[in-house]
């Protein structure tokens, strides 16, 4: 499932994007598969690591952003709406959309991010 966080809000997109949850057994994300997919779609793909309690508040980018949790627990706030993505769920945040990312778990969180 592709989670899309657009200026109009958060919505799920079904259909040809069902491949957007890329998780192997035991909630392990195949990072290389994700990286190749994102690059093919014109996005960069980097890994970010946050300690417990880390918060990135009120960001807006001039480009579209993808984010995917690969371990730990995150809370996303997009245009004032909160949710917790599952490991392997791809999140699209459109350019100019106000968003925050918080590690709400008791362990280190790792996530992929990319810009286009």
Foldseek 3Di string as FASTA:
>chain_A
DAWEQEPVGIDDDDDPCPCQQAADPPLAHPQVVVQVVQVVVPKHKDKDKDFAFDKDAWDAAQWKKKKAWRDAWKWKAWPRDIDIDGHRHIYIYGGGITMMIHRNGNGMTMMMMITD
